[in-house]
């Protein structure tokens, strides 16, 4: 099979995508560490729980939404539990499964942290774009995600689980 090398234009697009994928999480991580002593991933876990029905998700659903292995997620949930932000309990519908629930302290932290986080997201990734570019970014993201996440686990609404 012959390799289909990237054209100069495709290479330019690819390098920019990789730069954004590398730089944006680090910038968001720095803001969250400073404002809430959370990593970007920890905040993402809390945010997914905050949007779920009863602020609760099965660990397997939470791992899909955050694109984390159950092992990685379990370590993060342990840290968040120690801070009193999350609690784990047996799933009432299936005793073999474990649920994670955002505590009231966790909810308060999300509510307090969200404005600064959204301000940083807006500053770095939204405000530099025109409304037309935002629409294009949605379409571009959807096209790529159709290949990366065909079942839509990562982009599903937390209330769907």
Protein backbone atom coordinates (compact mmCIF):
# COMPACT_ATOMS: atom_id res chain seq x y z
CA UNK A 1 0.00 0.00 0.00
CA UNK A 2 1.39 3.37 -1.00
CA UNK A 3 1.63 6.09 1.64
CA UNK A 4 -0.57 9.10 0.99
CA UNK A 5 1.74 11.88 2.24
CA UNK A 6 0.22 15.11 3.48
CA UNK A 7 0.12 17.98 1.05
CA UNK A 8 1.72 21.24 2.25
CA UNK A 9 -1.76 22.59 3.11
CA UNK A 10 -2.75 19.39 4.93
CA UNK A 11 0.54 19.41 6.87
CA UNK A 12 -0.06 23.04 7.86
CA UNK A 13 -3.56 22.14 9.13
CA UNK A 14 -2.27 19.06 10.95
CA UNK A 15 0.52 20.94 12.72
CA UNK A 16 -1.91 23.60 13.89
CA UNK A 17 -4.34 20.97 15.19
CA UNK A 18 -1.54 19.27 17.12
CA UNK A 19 -0.34 22.61 18.53
CA UNK A 20 -3.84 23.41 19.80
CA UNK A 21 -4.25 19.88 21.19
CA UNK A 22 -0.98 20.24 23.13
CA UNK A 23 -1.10 23.89 24.24
CA UNK A 24 -4.76 24.37 25.17
CA UNK A 25 -4.98 21.66 27.87
CA UNK A 26 -1.78 22.92 29.50
CA UNK A 27 -3.08 26.50 29.61
CA UNK A 28 -6.42 25.38 31.07
CA UNK A 29 -4.62 23.14 33.56
CA UNK A 30 -2.52 26.08 34.79
CA UNK A 31 -5.60 28.25 35.32
CA UNK A 32 -7.45 25.52 37.24
CA UNK A 33 -4.45 24.64 39.40
CA UNK A 34 -4.10 28.29 40.38
CA UNK A 35 -7.78 29.00 41.01
CA UNK A 36 -9.02 25.70 42.47
CA UNK A 37 -6.02 23.41 43.10
CA UNK A 38 -7.47 21.06 40.47
CA UNK A 39 -5.98 19.58 37.35
CA UNK A 40 -7.90 20.07 34.13
CA UNK A 41 -8.82 16.39 34.19
CA UNK A 42 -10.09 16.57 37.80
CA UNK A 43 -12.23 19.56 36.89
CA UNK A 44 -13.51 17.71 33.81
CA UNK A 45 -14.57 14.78 36.02
CA UNK A 46 -16.35 17.13 38.42
CA UNK A 47 -18.01 18.97 35.54
CA UNK A 48 -19.31 15.74 34.00
CA UNK A 49 -20.78 14.74 37.36
CA UNK A 50 -22.26 18.22 37.85
CA UNK A 51 -24.19 17.89 34.59
CA UNK A 52 -25.49 14.36 35.26
CA UNK A 53 -28.89 13.49 36.66
CA UNK A 54 -28.61 13.63 40.47
CA UNK A 55 -24.95 14.58 39.87
CA UNK A 56 -24.26 10.84 39.68
CA UNK A 57 -22.77 8.56 37.01
CA UNK A 58 -21.63 4.97 36.90
CA UNK A 59 -17.88 4.81 36.89
CA UNK A 60 -17.98 3.11 33.47
CA UNK A 61 -20.06 5.97 32.00
CA UNK A 62 -17.81 8.55 33.62
CA UNK A 63 -14.74 6.84 32.18
CA UNK A 64 -16.28 6.95 28.71
CA UNK A 65 -17.21 10.63 29.01
CA UNK A 66 -13.73 11.57 30.18
CA UNK A 67 -11.87 9.15 27.90
CA UNK A 68 -10.09 7.67 30.91
CA UNK A 69 -9.33 4.10 31.78
CA UNK A 70 -11.15 2.85 34.85
CA UNK A 71 -7.79 2.62 36.61
CA UNK A 72 -6.90 6.26 35.91
CA UNK A 73 -10.40 7.40 36.81
CA UNK A 74 -10.32 5.42 40.05
CA UNK A 75 -7.07 7.15 41.11
CA UNK A 76 -8.57 10.57 40.34
CA UNK A 77 -11.80 9.75 42.16
CA UNK A 78 -9.71 8.64 45.18
CA UNK A 79 -8.03 12.07 45.26
CA UNK A 80 -11.36 13.85 44.86
CA UNK A 81 -12.93 11.69 47.60
CA UNK A 82 -10.12 12.60 50.00
CA UNK A 83 -10.99 16.26 49.42
CA UNK A 84 -14.67 15.54 50.05
CA UNK A 85 -15.66 16.50 46.49
CA UNK A 86 -16.97 13.11 45.31
CA UNK A 87 -18.34 9.99 46.92
CA UNK A 88 -18.56 6.44 45.57
CA UNK A 89 -21.28 3.92 46.32
CA UNK A 90 -22.66 0.67 44.94
CA UNK A 91 -25.06 1.13 42.06
CA UNK A 92 -28.58 0.35 43.35
CA UNK A 93 -29.62 -1.15 39.98
CA UNK A 94 -26.51 -3.32 39.64
CA UNK A 95 -24.54 -4.19 42.76
CA UNK A 96 -21.50 -5.09 40.64
CA UNK A 97 -21.22 -1.50 39.39
CA UNK A 98 -20.01 1.55 41.27
CA UNK A 99 -21.45 5.04 41.03
CA UNK A 100 -19.66 8.33 41.61
CA UNK A 101 -21.62 11.28 42.95
CA UNK A 102 -20.62 14.91 43.29
CA UNK A 103 -20.96 16.01 46.92
CA UNK A 104 -22.36 19.39 47.94
CA UNK A 105 -18.76 20.52 48.57
CA UNK A 106 -17.84 19.35 45.06
CA UNK A 107 -20.83 21.19 43.59
CA UNK A 108 -19.82 24.38 45.42
CA UNK A 109 -16.29 24.08 44.01
CA UNK A 110 -17.58 23.59 40.46
CA UNK A 111 -19.92 26.59 40.84
CA UNK A 112 -17.07 28.73 42.22
CA UNK A 113 -14.53 27.56 39.61
CA UNK A 114 -16.70 27.55 36.47
CA UNK A 115 -16.73 31.33 35.84
CA UNK A 116 -12.93 31.60 35.79
CA UNK A 117 -12.61 28.46 33.71
CA UNK A 118 -15.18 29.63 31.17
CA UNK A 119 -13.46 33.02 31.01
CA UNK A 120 -10.17 31.28 30.17
CA UNK A 121 -11.83 28.98 27.61
CA UNK A 122 -13.48 32.02 26.02
CA UNK A 123 -10.21 33.99 26.01
CA UNK A 124 -8.13 31.21 24.48
CA UNK A 125 -10.49 29.30 22.21
CA UNK A 126 -13.77 31.11 21.56
CA UNK A 127 -13.24 34.87 21.38
CA UNK A 128 -10.48 34.67 18.73
CA UNK A 129 -13.03 33.06 16.37
CA UNK A 130 -15.85 34.61 14.36
CA UNK A 131 -19.36 33.11 14.61
CA UNK A 132 -18.77 31.51 11.20
CA UNK A 133 -15.52 29.95 12.43
CA UNK A 134 -17.32 28.59 15.51
CA UNK A 135 -19.81 26.86 13.19
CA UNK A 136 -16.94 25.53 11.09
CA UNK A 137 -15.15 24.29 14.21
CA UNK A 138 -18.27 22.35 15.24
CA UNK A 139 -18.43 20.71 11.81
CA UNK A 140 -14.70 19.97 11.83
CA UNK A 141 -14.87 18.52 15.33
CA UNK A 142 -17.88 16.38 14.37
CA UNK A 143 -16.10 15.04 11.28
CA UNK A 144 -13.01 14.04 13.26
CA UNK A 145 -15.00 12.68 16.20
CA UNK A 146 -17.03 10.49 13.87
CA UNK A 147 -13.78 8.55 13.33
CA UNK A 148 -12.36 8.80 16.86
CA UNK A 149 -15.60 8.26 18.81
CA UNK A 150 -18.13 6.63 16.46
CA UNK A 151 -20.43 5.65 19.32
CA UNK A 152 -20.44 9.20 20.72
CA UNK A 153 -19.35 8.24 24.25
CA UNK A 154 -17.14 11.27 24.71
CA UNK A 155 -19.63 13.80 23.40
CA UNK A 156 -22.88 12.35 24.79
CA UNK A 157 -24.82 14.45 27.24
CA UNK A 158 -24.19 13.29 30.83
CA UNK A 159 -27.97 13.21 31.38
CA UNK A 160 -28.20 10.41 28.77
CA UNK A 161 -26.66 7.86 31.16
